[in-house]
Each structure stands twice: as C-alpha cells, then as structure tokens.
Amino acid sequence: MPDAALHALLSLQKGSAGQIGAARIRLLEAVRDHGSISAAARAVGLSYKAAWDGIAALNNLFEKPVVEAQSGGRHGGQARLTATGAAIIGAFQRIQGELDRVAARLDQELGGDQQPPLADILKGLTMRTSARNALTGVVETIHAGAVNDEVVLRLGEGQTLTAVITRHSVEDLGLVPGMPVTALIKSTFVILTPEGEPTRTSARNRLCGTVIRHEDGPVSSEVVLDIGGGKTLTAVVTRDSADDLGLAEGARVCALIKASHIILAVT
C-alpha cells in the first residue's frame, strides 16, 4: 500500500542558479565514502558524466571547493570531500530533520490529506535554470552609464567577470560592492581560443584555464575548463572548431564572453 503520509523534500538554492537537493547530498556522501567520482557515481546510480557535472556545479556555487578531484583519465582519479563539502552535508541533514518534524505535525493537522494547493506551494519553492554555467563571485565595482551599468565581479584566483545590465536591474537587485552574486552564462555563449594566440574581439571577458574534459558529439563538442579556485567553465562549440583548436585535455585555453551575455542573480 503506498505511503500516504506527507513528506518534506528539502532543496537548498543559492541565488536562482544552483539547487542542492537530496540527490546532490547523496553524491557528496558517496564521494566521501568511496574516494573517487567514478565509484561515487556507481554507488548512487549515475553516469560518470552526470556525477562529474553535479560536483562541478556545486564547486562553482561556493567560494571554496566542496570536492577536490585529481585527474585520472577518462574515468577519473581520486576525489576528496573538503571541509566545505562536509559542512554542506551536515547543514542539509540538520535542516531536513527539522522539516521532517514540521511535515509530521502538518500531516496530523491536515488529517493525512495532502491538499493540492499545498503541493503547488511546495513545488513553487524551487526553480531551475537552463544556463550551464553558474559562477559565484563578489561585486567589486559598479560603473554607472546612461542606460546600462557595468558590474565587475571578483571570482577569485585573480579572475574577474564584467556584466552589462540595465541600471533598473542594478537597482532592482540591490547590487553594491562587496555583495555576493551569481553569474549565469549559457555554454553556447562561450567562445574558446588558445591562450597564446593574440585575438581581437568585442568580448569584454577573457577567462583562461586548462581543459579538463572534452567530449565530442555528432555535431558539437563540450569542453570544460578549470579556471582556478575550484571553479569550472563549460563551453559548447562545433566539433570542427574543437578539432581545429586542438582542445585536448591539458591544453591552455581562454574563454571569451560578451558582457551582455551574462545574467546576474542574487538571493
């Protein structure tokens, strides 16, 4: 007989970019217990790529990495849960415990009958974004313009990111220097170029890093760069472009991103 009791499903969210639910916590626990991403993926029933992407997304959300991984070829090497990762697991478990107690009391008050409006409210507490890259930074400066403002974010490791958004949006978000912000960037908006090559482009941002993953599809290639500070950046380019640029793992590459292609989100 199906369980008709009301259950609380916890999902933590940072800005409008990243969502941390029970599945991500189980993945972190598996990394802690098994010591590698590939073994953790098998333990929770994910593909290696899905597990790697999940951990990369978490690392990009926090100032300090939640998992530190060592490259080990196609199926990965060793991985270690950091103190930040352990703190996230602990916090999630404590909050989930409190929610379970609240749900049990609410279930009693509702007589065990879960009303549709309640389900709608619970679903409305989470959202997802199609932007592949969600990089957390701190507002360094804001340069006011007549219509648009230029917002410079400090990502760490000496990397900065400049976004151009309307002045109305700056005021709406309440952006001020020192404020934590999440930058959303679609992977198709990222242009790649070899680090040593001089380039003339209108793209304001140039983030350099090392290729740590390159996967080819029939038409497109997905390339992931380690840009330092535990953060990664994903680009999707045509397969021909990837071949021409020689985007092998270990190659030094720069990502070019137009300031107008960056969306800013705050909590």
C-alpha atoms as a PDB file:
ATOM      1  CA  MET A   1       0.000   0.000   0.000  1.00  0.00           C
ATOM      2  CA  PRO A   2       1.500   3.396  -0.982  1.00  0.00           C
ATOM      3  CA  ASP A   3       2.698   5.705   1.787  1.00  0.00           C
ATOM      4  CA  ALA A   4       0.094   8.490   2.070  1.00  0.00           C
ATOM      5  CA  ALA A   5       1.985  10.483   4.688  1.00  0.00           C
ATOM      6  CA  LEU A   6       3.201  13.989   3.928  1.00  0.00           C
ATOM      7  CA  HIS A   7       6.963  14.216   3.412  1.00  0.00           C
ATOM      8  CA  ALA A   8       9.211  17.290   3.286  1.00  0.00           C
ATOM      9  CA  LEU A   9      11.629  17.461   0.351  1.00  0.00           C
ATOM     10  CA  LEU A  10      14.469  19.879   1.055  1.00  0.00           C
ATOM     11  CA  SER A  11      16.132  21.798  -1.750  1.00  0.00           C
ATOM     12  CA  LEU A  12      18.696  24.486  -0.960  1.00  0.00           C
ATOM     13  CA  GLN A  13      19.206  27.204  -3.525  1.00  0.00           C
ATOM     14  CA  LYS A  14      21.886  29.848  -3.958  1.00  0.00           C
ATOM     15  CA  GLY A  15      20.531  32.745  -5.996  1.00  0.00           C
ATOM     16  CA  SER A  16      18.499  31.458  -8.911  1.00  0.00           C
ATOM     17  CA  ALA A  17      21.376  29.382 -10.183  1.00  0.00           C
ATOM     18  CA  GLY A  18      22.092  26.314  -8.166  1.00  0.00           C
ATOM     19  CA  GLN A  19      19.880  23.764  -6.479  1.00  0.00           C
ATOM     20  CA  ILE A  20      21.097  21.335  -3.834  1.00  0.00           C
ATOM     21  CA  GLY A  21      18.683  18.527  -3.099  1.00  0.00           C
ATOM     22  CA  ALA A  22      18.887  15.089  -1.540  1.00  0.00           C
ATOM     23  CA  ALA A  23      20.380  13.594  -4.722  1.00  0.00           C
ATOM     24  CA  ARG A  24      23.342  16.001  -4.642  1.00  0.00           C
ATOM     25  CA  ILE A  25      23.874  15.314  -0.940  1.00  0.00           C
ATOM     26  CA  ARG A  26      23.901  11.551  -1.595  1.00  0.00           C
ATOM     27  CA  LEU A  27      26.524  12.155  -4.284  1.00  0.00           C
ATOM     28  CA  LEU A  28      28.717  14.112  -1.852  1.00  0.00           C
ATOM     29  CA  GLU A  29      28.329  11.366   0.746  1.00  0.00           C
ATOM     30  CA  ALA A  30      29.333   8.779  -1.852  1.00  0.00           C
ATOM     31  CA  VAL A  31      32.471  10.763  -2.733  1.00  0.00           C
ATOM     32  CA  ARG A  32      33.306  10.909   0.973  1.00  0.00           C
ATOM     33  CA  ASP A  33      32.771   7.165   1.393  1.00  0.00           C
ATOM     34  CA  HIS A  34      34.368   5.888  -1.837  1.00  0.00           C
ATOM     35  CA  GLY A  35      37.127   8.408  -2.559  1.00  0.00           C
ATOM     36  CA  SER A  36      36.518   8.849  -6.282  1.00  0.00           C
ATOM     37  CA  ILE A  37      33.884  10.346  -8.571  1.00  0.00           C
ATOM     38  CA  SER A  38      33.583   7.189 -10.679  1.00  0.00           C
ATOM     39  CA  ALA A  39      32.953   4.986  -7.619  1.00  0.00           C
ATOM     40  CA  ALA A  40      30.539   7.559  -6.187  1.00  0.00           C
ATOM     41  CA  ALA A  41      28.639   7.634  -9.488  1.00  0.00           C
ATOM     42  CA  ARG A  42      28.201   3.856  -9.422  1.00  0.00           C
ATOM     43  CA  ALA A  43      27.085   3.967  -5.790  1.00  0.00           C
ATOM     44  CA  VAL A  44      24.256   6.438  -6.478  1.00  0.00           C
ATOM     45  CA  GLY A  45      23.289   5.095  -9.913  1.00  0.00           C
ATOM     46  CA  LEU A  46      24.611   7.957 -12.057  1.00  0.00           C
ATOM     47  CA  SER A  47      26.814   8.037 -15.124  1.00  0.00           C
ATOM     48  CA  TYR A  48      30.325   9.354 -14.546  1.00  0.00           C
ATOM     49  CA  LYS A  49      29.485  12.457 -16.622  1.00  0.00           C
ATOM     50  CA  ALA A  50      26.331  13.218 -14.612  1.00  0.00           C
ATOM     51  CA  ALA A  51      28.231  12.849 -11.327  1.00  0.00           C
ATOM     52  CA  TRP A  52      31.131  14.990 -12.561  1.00  0.00           C
ATOM     53  CA  ASP A  53      28.734  17.695 -13.786  1.00  0.00           C
ATOM     54  CA  GLY A  54      26.902  17.703 -10.446  1.00  0.00           C
ATOM     55  CA  ILE A  55      30.108  18.149  -8.472  1.00  0.00           C
ATOM     56  CA  ALA A  56      31.394  20.833 -10.855  1.00  0.00           C
ATOM     57  CA  ALA A  57      28.121  22.751 -10.411  1.00  0.00           C
ATOM     58  CA  LEU A  58      28.475  22.578  -6.620  1.00  0.00           C
ATOM     59  CA  ASN A  59      32.108  23.722  -6.743  1.00  0.00           C
ATOM     60  CA  ASN A  60      31.064  26.720  -8.832  1.00  0.00           C
ATOM     61  CA  LEU A  61      28.403  27.750  -6.315  1.00  0.00           C
ATOM     62  CA  PHE A  62      30.718  28.173  -3.338  1.00  0.00           C
ATOM     63  CA  GLU A  63      33.826  30.258  -2.741  1.00  0.00           C
ATOM     64  CA  LYS A  64      35.733  27.130  -1.665  1.00  0.00           C
ATOM     65  CA  PRO A  65      35.501  23.759  -3.464  1.00  0.00           C
ATOM     66  CA  VAL A  66      33.250  21.091  -1.962  1.00  0.00           C
ATOM     67  CA  VAL A  67      35.195  18.300  -3.672  1.00  0.00           C
ATOM     68  CA  GLU A  68      38.822  18.269  -4.728  1.00  0.00           C
ATOM     69  CA  ALA A  69      39.482  15.849  -7.577  1.00  0.00           C
ATOM     70  CA  GLN A  70      42.668  14.646  -9.221  1.00  0.00           C
ATOM     71  CA  SER A  71      42.620  13.973 -12.946  1.00  0.00           C
ATOM     72  CA  GLY A  72      42.873  10.298 -13.746  1.00  0.00           C
ATOM     73  CA  GLY A  73      41.909   9.852 -17.378  1.00  0.00           C
ATOM     74  CA  ARG A  74      38.543   9.140 -18.919  1.00  0.00           C
ATOM     75  CA  HIS A  75      37.032   7.556 -15.801  1.00  0.00           C
ATOM     76  CA  GLY A  76      38.534   9.933 -13.258  1.00  0.00           C
ATOM     77  CA  GLY A  77      41.005   9.643 -10.405  1.00  0.00           C
ATOM     78  CA  GLN A  78      40.816  10.166  -6.669  1.00  0.00           C
ATOM     79  CA  ALA A  79      38.450  12.707  -5.118  1.00  0.00           C
ATOM     80  CA  ARG A  80      38.245  14.119  -1.603  1.00  0.00           C
ATOM     81  CA  LEU A  81      35.335  15.766   0.195  1.00  0.00           C
ATOM     82  CA  THR A  82      36.537  19.081   1.644  1.00  0.00           C
ATOM     83  CA  ALA A  83      35.575  20.692   4.947  1.00  0.00           C
ATOM     84  CA  THR A  84      33.120  22.860   2.986  1.00  0.00           C
ATOM     85  CA  GLY A  85      31.512  19.757   1.484  1.00  0.00           C
ATOM     86  CA  ALA A  86      31.238  18.115   4.896  1.00  0.00           C
ATOM     87  CA  ALA A  87      29.640  21.270   6.320  1.00  0.00           C
ATOM     88  CA  ILE A  88      27.061  21.283   3.500  1.00  0.00           C
ATOM     89  CA  ILE A  89      26.124  17.668   4.216  1.00  0.00           C
ATOM     90  CA  GLY A  90      25.800  18.389   7.947  1.00  0.00           C
ATOM     91  CA  ALA A  91      23.699  21.518   7.412  1.00  0.00           C
ATOM     92  CA  PHE A  92      21.418  19.744   4.937  1.00  0.00           C
ATOM     93  CA  GLN A  93      20.834  16.836   7.310  1.00  0.00           C
ATOM     94  CA  ARG A  94      20.013  19.147  10.233  1.00  0.00           C
ATOM     95  CA  ILE A  95      17.540  21.186   8.178  1.00  0.00           C
ATOM     96  CA  GLN A  96      15.985  18.032   6.700  1.00  0.00           C
ATOM     97  CA  GLY A  97      15.468  16.666  10.208  1.00  0.00           C
ATOM     98  CA  GLU A  98      13.624  19.813  11.267  1.00  0.00           C
ATOM     99  CA  LEU A  99      11.496  19.761   8.097  1.00  0.00           C
ATOM    100  CA  ASP A 100      10.555  16.130   8.704  1.00  0.00           C
ATOM    101  CA  ARG A 101       9.248  17.062  12.146  1.00  0.00           C
ATOM    102  CA  VAL A 102       7.289  20.026  10.721  1.00  0.00           C
ATOM    103  CA  ALA A 103       5.837  17.821   7.956  1.00  0.00           C
ATOM    104  CA  ALA A 104       4.720  15.230  10.507  1.00  0.00           C
ATOM    105  CA  ARG A 105       2.884  17.890  12.538  1.00  0.00           C
ATOM    106  CA  LEU A 106       1.342  19.389   9.391  1.00  0.00           C
ATOM    107  CA  ASP A 107       0.236  15.951   8.244  1.00  0.00           C
ATOM    108  CA  GLN A 108      -1.607  15.485  11.533  1.00  0.00           C
ATOM    109  CA  GLU A 109      -3.298  18.888  11.208  1.00  0.00           C
ATOM    110  CA  LEU A 110      -4.419  18.072   7.660  1.00  0.00           C
ATOM    111  CA  GLY A 111      -5.747  14.711   8.773  1.00  0.00           C
ATOM    112  CA  GLY A 112      -3.327  12.961   6.393  1.00  0.00           C
ATOM    113  CA  ASP A 113      -4.994  14.573   3.376  1.00  0.00           C
ATOM    114  CA  GLN A 114      -2.434  16.419   1.241  1.00  0.00           C
ATOM    115  CA  GLN A 115      -4.327  19.263  -0.401  1.00  0.00           C
ATOM    116  CA  PRO A 116      -3.396  20.280  -3.987  1.00  0.00           C
ATOM    117  CA  PRO A 117      -2.686  23.926  -3.005  1.00  0.00           C
ATOM    118  CA  LEU A 118      -0.030  22.713  -0.549  1.00  0.00           C
ATOM    119  CA  ALA A 119       1.637  20.618  -3.252  1.00  0.00           C
ATOM    120  CA  ASP A 120       1.642  23.631  -5.584  1.00  0.00           C
ATOM    121  CA  ILE A 121       3.256  25.779  -2.900  1.00  0.00           C
ATOM    122  CA  LEU A 122       5.971  23.197  -2.241  1.00  0.00           C
ATOM    123  CA  LYS A 123       6.785  22.875  -5.948  1.00  0.00           C
ATOM    124  CA  GLY A 124       6.946  26.653  -6.281  1.00  0.00           C
ATOM    125  CA  LEU A 125       9.746  26.872  -3.731  1.00  0.00           C
ATOM    126  CA  THR A 126      12.318  25.587  -6.263  1.00  0.00           C
ATOM    127  CA  MET A 127      13.327  26.608  -9.771  1.00  0.00           C
ATOM    128  CA  ARG A 128      15.877  25.576 -12.364  1.00  0.00           C
ATOM    129  CA  THR A 129      17.896  27.457 -14.969  1.00  0.00           C
ATOM    130  CA  SER A 130      18.964  26.379 -18.456  1.00  0.00           C
ATOM    131  CA  ALA A 131      22.274  28.244 -18.107  1.00  0.00           C
ATOM    132  CA  ARG A 132      25.033  25.645 -17.814  1.00  0.00           C
ATOM    133  CA  ASN A 133      27.484  27.914 -16.002  1.00  0.00           C
ATOM    134  CA  ALA A 134      26.693  29.425 -12.605  1.00  0.00           C
ATOM    135  CA  LEU A 135      29.724  31.195 -11.139  1.00  0.00           C
ATOM    136  CA  THR A 136      29.583  32.768  -7.696  1.00  0.00           C
ATOM    137  CA  GLY A 137      31.540  35.977  -7.152  1.00  0.00           C
ATOM    138  CA  VAL A 138      31.550  39.242  -5.242  1.00  0.00           C
ATOM    139  CA  VAL A 139      30.684  42.646  -6.709  1.00  0.00           C
ATOM    140  CA  GLU A 140      33.928  44.600  -6.956  1.00  0.00           C
ATOM    141  CA  THR A 141      32.805  47.787  -8.709  1.00  0.00           C
ATOM    142  CA  ILE A 142      29.768  49.210 -10.469  1.00  0.00           C
ATOM    143  CA  HIS A 143      30.292  51.743 -13.266  1.00  0.00           C
ATOM    144  CA  ALA A 144      27.115  53.692 -13.968  1.00  0.00           C
ATOM    145  CA  GLY A 145      26.102  54.509 -17.539  1.00  0.00           C
ATOM    146  CA  ALA A 146      23.256  56.482 -19.062  1.00  0.00           C
ATOM    147  CA  VAL A 147      21.071  53.388 -19.503  1.00  0.00           C
ATOM    148  CA  ASN A 148      23.220  50.348 -18.696  1.00  0.00           C
ATOM    149  CA  ASP A 149      25.606  49.783 -15.795  1.00  0.00           C
ATOM    150  CA  GLU A 150      28.814  47.782 -15.869  1.00  0.00           C
ATOM    151  CA  VAL A 151      29.160  45.369 -12.940  1.00  0.00           C
ATOM    152  CA  VAL A 152      32.580  43.843 -12.237  1.00  0.00           C
ATOM    153  CA  LEU A 153      32.640  40.615 -10.210  1.00  0.00           C
ATOM    154  CA  ARG A 154      35.655  39.148  -8.438  1.00  0.00           C
ATOM    155  CA  LEU A 155      35.707  35.365  -8.897  1.00  0.00           C
ATOM    156  CA  GLY A 156      38.929  34.631  -7.035  1.00  0.00           C
ATOM    157  CA  GLU A 157      42.362  33.487  -8.260  1.00  0.00           C
ATOM    158  CA  GLY A 158      42.775  36.951  -9.808  1.00  0.00           C
ATOM    159  CA  GLN A 159      39.874  36.365 -12.227  1.00  0.00           C
ATOM    160  CA  THR A 160      37.172  38.979 -12.767  1.00  0.00           C
ATOM    161  CA  LEU A 161      33.987  38.950 -14.797  1.00  0.00           C
ATOM    162  CA  THR A 162      32.233  42.004 -16.224  1.00  0.00           C
ATOM    163  CA  ALA A 163      28.488  42.065 -16.888  1.00  0.00           C
ATOM    164  CA  VAL A 164      26.463  44.823 -18.513  1.00  0.00           C
ATOM    165  CA  ILE A 165      22.879  45.086 -17.259  1.00  0.00           C
ATOM    166  CA  THR A 166      20.327  47.886 -17.112  1.00  0.00           C
ATOM    167  CA  ARG A 167      20.505  50.431 -14.315  1.00  0.00           C
ATOM    168  CA  HIS A 168      16.974  49.414 -13.384  1.00  0.00           C
ATOM    169  CA  SER A 169      18.207  45.820 -12.892  1.00  0.00           C
ATOM    170  CA  VAL A 170      21.104  47.011 -10.721  1.00  0.00           C
ATOM    171  CA  GLU A 171      18.651  48.885  -8.502  1.00  0.00           C
ATOM    172  CA  ASP A 172      16.153  46.012  -8.541  1.00  0.00           C
ATOM    173  CA  LEU A 173      18.785  43.521  -7.394  1.00  0.00           C
ATOM    174  CA  GLY A 174      20.192  45.977  -4.855  1.00  0.00           C
ATOM    175  CA  LEU A 175      23.733  45.472  -6.147  1.00  0.00           C
ATOM    176  CA  VAL A 176      26.512  47.135  -4.149  1.00  0.00           C
ATOM    177  CA  PRO A 177      30.263  46.453  -3.866  1.00  0.00           C
ATOM    178  CA  GLY A 178      31.019  43.502  -1.590  1.00  0.00           C
ATOM    179  CA  MET A 179      27.728  41.759  -2.324  1.00  0.00           C
ATOM    180  CA  PRO A 180      27.793  38.052  -3.355  1.00  0.00           C
ATOM    181  CA  VAL A 181      26.288  37.472  -6.804  1.00  0.00           C
ATOM    182  CA  THR A 182      25.873  34.509  -9.136  1.00  0.00           C
ATOM    183  CA  ALA A 183      26.695  34.966 -12.825  1.00  0.00           C
ATOM    184  CA  LEU A 184      24.719  32.760 -15.236  1.00  0.00           C
ATOM    185  CA  ILE A 185      26.311  32.052 -18.620  1.00  0.00           C
ATOM    186  CA  LYS A 186      24.947  29.705 -21.284  1.00  0.00           C
ATOM    187  CA  SER A 187      27.597  27.310 -22.561  1.00  0.00           C
ATOM    188  CA  THR A 188      26.844  28.285 -26.174  1.00  0.00           C
ATOM    189  CA  PHE A 189      27.789  31.906 -25.384  1.00  0.00           C
ATOM    190  CA  VAL A 190      31.380  30.929 -24.517  1.00  0.00           C
ATOM    191  CA  ILE A 191      33.975  31.363 -27.290  1.00  0.00           C
ATOM    192  CA  LEU A 192      37.268  29.478 -26.968  1.00  0.00           C
ATOM    193  CA  THR A 193      40.711  30.479 -28.195  1.00  0.00           C
ATOM    194  CA  PRO A 194      44.234  29.151 -27.485  1.00  0.00           C
ATOM    195  CA  GLU A 195      45.825  31.071 -24.614  1.00  0.00           C
ATOM    196  CA  GLY A 196      48.923  32.173 -26.505  1.00  0.00           C
ATOM    197  CA  GLU A 197      47.120  33.496 -29.577  1.00  0.00           C
ATOM    198  CA  PRO A 198      46.502  37.246 -29.865  1.00  0.00           C
ATOM    199  CA  THR A 199      42.826  37.908 -30.522  1.00  0.00           C
ATOM    200  CA  ARG A 200      40.829  40.969 -31.456  1.00  0.00           C
ATOM    201  CA  THR A 201      37.261  40.635 -30.273  1.00  0.00           C
ATOM    202  CA  SER A 202      34.414  42.687 -28.857  1.00  0.00           C
ATOM    203  CA  ALA A 203      34.027  40.208 -25.984  1.00  0.00           C
ATOM    204  CA  ARG A 204      34.848  42.012 -22.741  1.00  0.00           C
ATOM    205  CA  ASN A 205      35.686  38.960 -20.646  1.00  0.00           C
ATOM    206  CA  ARG A 206      38.681  36.662 -21.039  1.00  0.00           C
ATOM    207  CA  LEU A 207      38.935  33.788 -18.542  1.00  0.00           C
ATOM    208  CA  CYS A 208      41.884  31.458 -19.078  1.00  0.00           C
ATOM    209  CA  GLY A 209      42.193  27.920 -17.806  1.00  0.00           C
ATOM    210  CA  THR A 210      43.098  24.315 -18.537  1.00  0.00           C
ATOM    211  CA  VAL A 211      40.942  21.859 -20.481  1.00  0.00           C
ATOM    212  CA  ILE A 212      39.981  19.109 -18.035  1.00  0.00           C
ATOM    213  CA  ARG A 213      37.286  17.436 -20.122  1.00  0.00           C
ATOM    214  CA  HIS A 214      36.432  17.267 -23.817  1.00  0.00           C
ATOM    215  CA  GLU A 215      33.522  15.220 -25.106  1.00  0.00           C
ATOM    216  CA  ASP A 216      32.553  15.032 -28.777  1.00  0.00           C
ATOM    217  CA  GLY A 217      29.044  14.608 -30.117  1.00  0.00           C
ATOM    218  CA  PRO A 218      27.989  14.158 -33.753  1.00  0.00           C
ATOM    219  CA  VAL A 219      27.887  17.928 -34.346  1.00  0.00           C
ATOM    220  CA  SER A 220      29.058  19.709 -31.192  1.00  0.00           C
ATOM    221  CA  SER A 221      31.765  19.295 -28.578  1.00  0.00           C
ATOM    222  CA  GLU A 222      31.514  20.062 -24.869  1.00  0.00           C
ATOM    223  CA  VAL A 223      34.691  21.474 -23.356  1.00  0.00           C
ATOM    224  CA  VAL A 224      35.193  22.073 -19.624  1.00  0.00           C
ATOM    225  CA  LEU A 225      37.896  24.431 -18.356  1.00  0.00           C
ATOM    226  CA  ASP A 226      39.393  24.607 -14.875  1.00  0.00           C
ATOM    227  CA  ILE A 227      39.638  28.377 -14.316  1.00  0.00           C
ATOM    228  CA  GLY A 228      41.106  28.151 -10.812  1.00  0.00           C
ATOM    229  CA  GLY A 229      39.703  28.438  -7.314  1.00  0.00           C
ATOM    230  CA  GLY A 230      37.781  25.184  -7.733  1.00  0.00           C
ATOM    231  CA  LYS A 231      35.637  26.773 -10.462  1.00  0.00           C
ATOM    232  CA  THR A 232      34.972  25.392 -13.932  1.00  0.00           C
ATOM    233  CA  LEU A 233      33.519  26.856 -17.108  1.00  0.00           C
ATOM    234  CA  THR A 234      31.711  24.807 -19.756  1.00  0.00           C
ATOM    235  CA  ALA A 235      31.628  25.723 -23.440  1.00  0.00           C
ATOM    236  CA  VAL A 236      29.778  24.075 -26.312  1.00  0.00           C
ATOM    237  CA  VAL A 237      31.430  24.602 -29.707  1.00  0.00           C
ATOM    238  CA  THR A 238      31.127  22.903 -33.075  1.00  0.00           C
ATOM    239  CA  ARG A 239      33.118  19.716 -33.454  1.00  0.00           C
ATOM    240  CA  ASP A 240      35.036  21.238 -36.379  1.00  0.00           C
ATOM    241  CA  SER A 241      36.073  24.175 -34.177  1.00  0.00           C
ATOM    242  CA  ALA A 242      37.168  21.849 -31.387  1.00  0.00           C
ATOM    243  CA  ASP A 243      39.304  19.849 -33.833  1.00  0.00           C
ATOM    244  CA  ASP A 244      40.817  22.999 -35.360  1.00  0.00           C
ATOM    245  CA  LEU A 245      41.724  24.411 -31.938  1.00  0.00           C
ATOM    246  CA  GLY A 246      43.212  21.134 -30.688  1.00  0.00           C
ATOM    247  CA  LEU A 247      41.230  21.204 -27.450  1.00  0.00           C
ATOM    248  CA  ALA A 248      42.818  18.168 -25.827  1.00  0.00           C
ATOM    249  CA  GLU A 249      42.829  17.656 -22.063  1.00  0.00           C
ATOM    250  CA  GLY A 250      45.636  19.681 -20.516  1.00  0.00           C
ATOM    251  CA  ALA A 251      45.589  22.389 -23.199  1.00  0.00           C
ATOM    252  CA  ARG A 252      45.631  26.007 -22.044  1.00  0.00           C
ATOM    253  CA  VAL A 253      42.630  27.865 -23.430  1.00  0.00           C
ATOM    254  CA  CYS A 254      40.927  31.210 -22.908  1.00  0.00           C
ATOM    255  CA  ALA A 255      37.157  31.647 -22.800  1.00  0.00           C
ATOM    256  CA  LEU A 256      35.762  34.844 -24.307  1.00  0.00           C
ATOM    257  CA  ILE A 257      32.374  36.023 -23.040  1.00  0.00           C
ATOM    258  CA  LYS A 258      30.488  39.159 -24.008  1.00  0.00           C
ATOM    259  CA  ALA A 259      29.441  41.257 -21.018  1.00  0.00           C
ATOM    260  CA  SER A 260      25.883  41.450 -22.359  1.00  0.00           C
ATOM    261  CA  HIS A 261      25.621  37.633 -22.371  1.00  0.00           C
ATOM    262  CA  ILE A 262      25.887  37.399 -18.580  1.00  0.00           C
ATOM    263  CA  ILE A 263      22.818  37.287 -16.329  1.00  0.00           C
ATOM    264  CA  LEU A 264      23.243  38.207 -12.659  1.00  0.00           C
ATOM    265  CA  ALA A 265      21.241  36.607  -9.861  1.00  0.00           C
ATOM    266  CA  VAL A 266      21.108  37.250  -6.111  1.00  0.00           C
ATOM    267  CA  THR A 267      19.462  35.514  -3.170  1.00  0.00           C
END
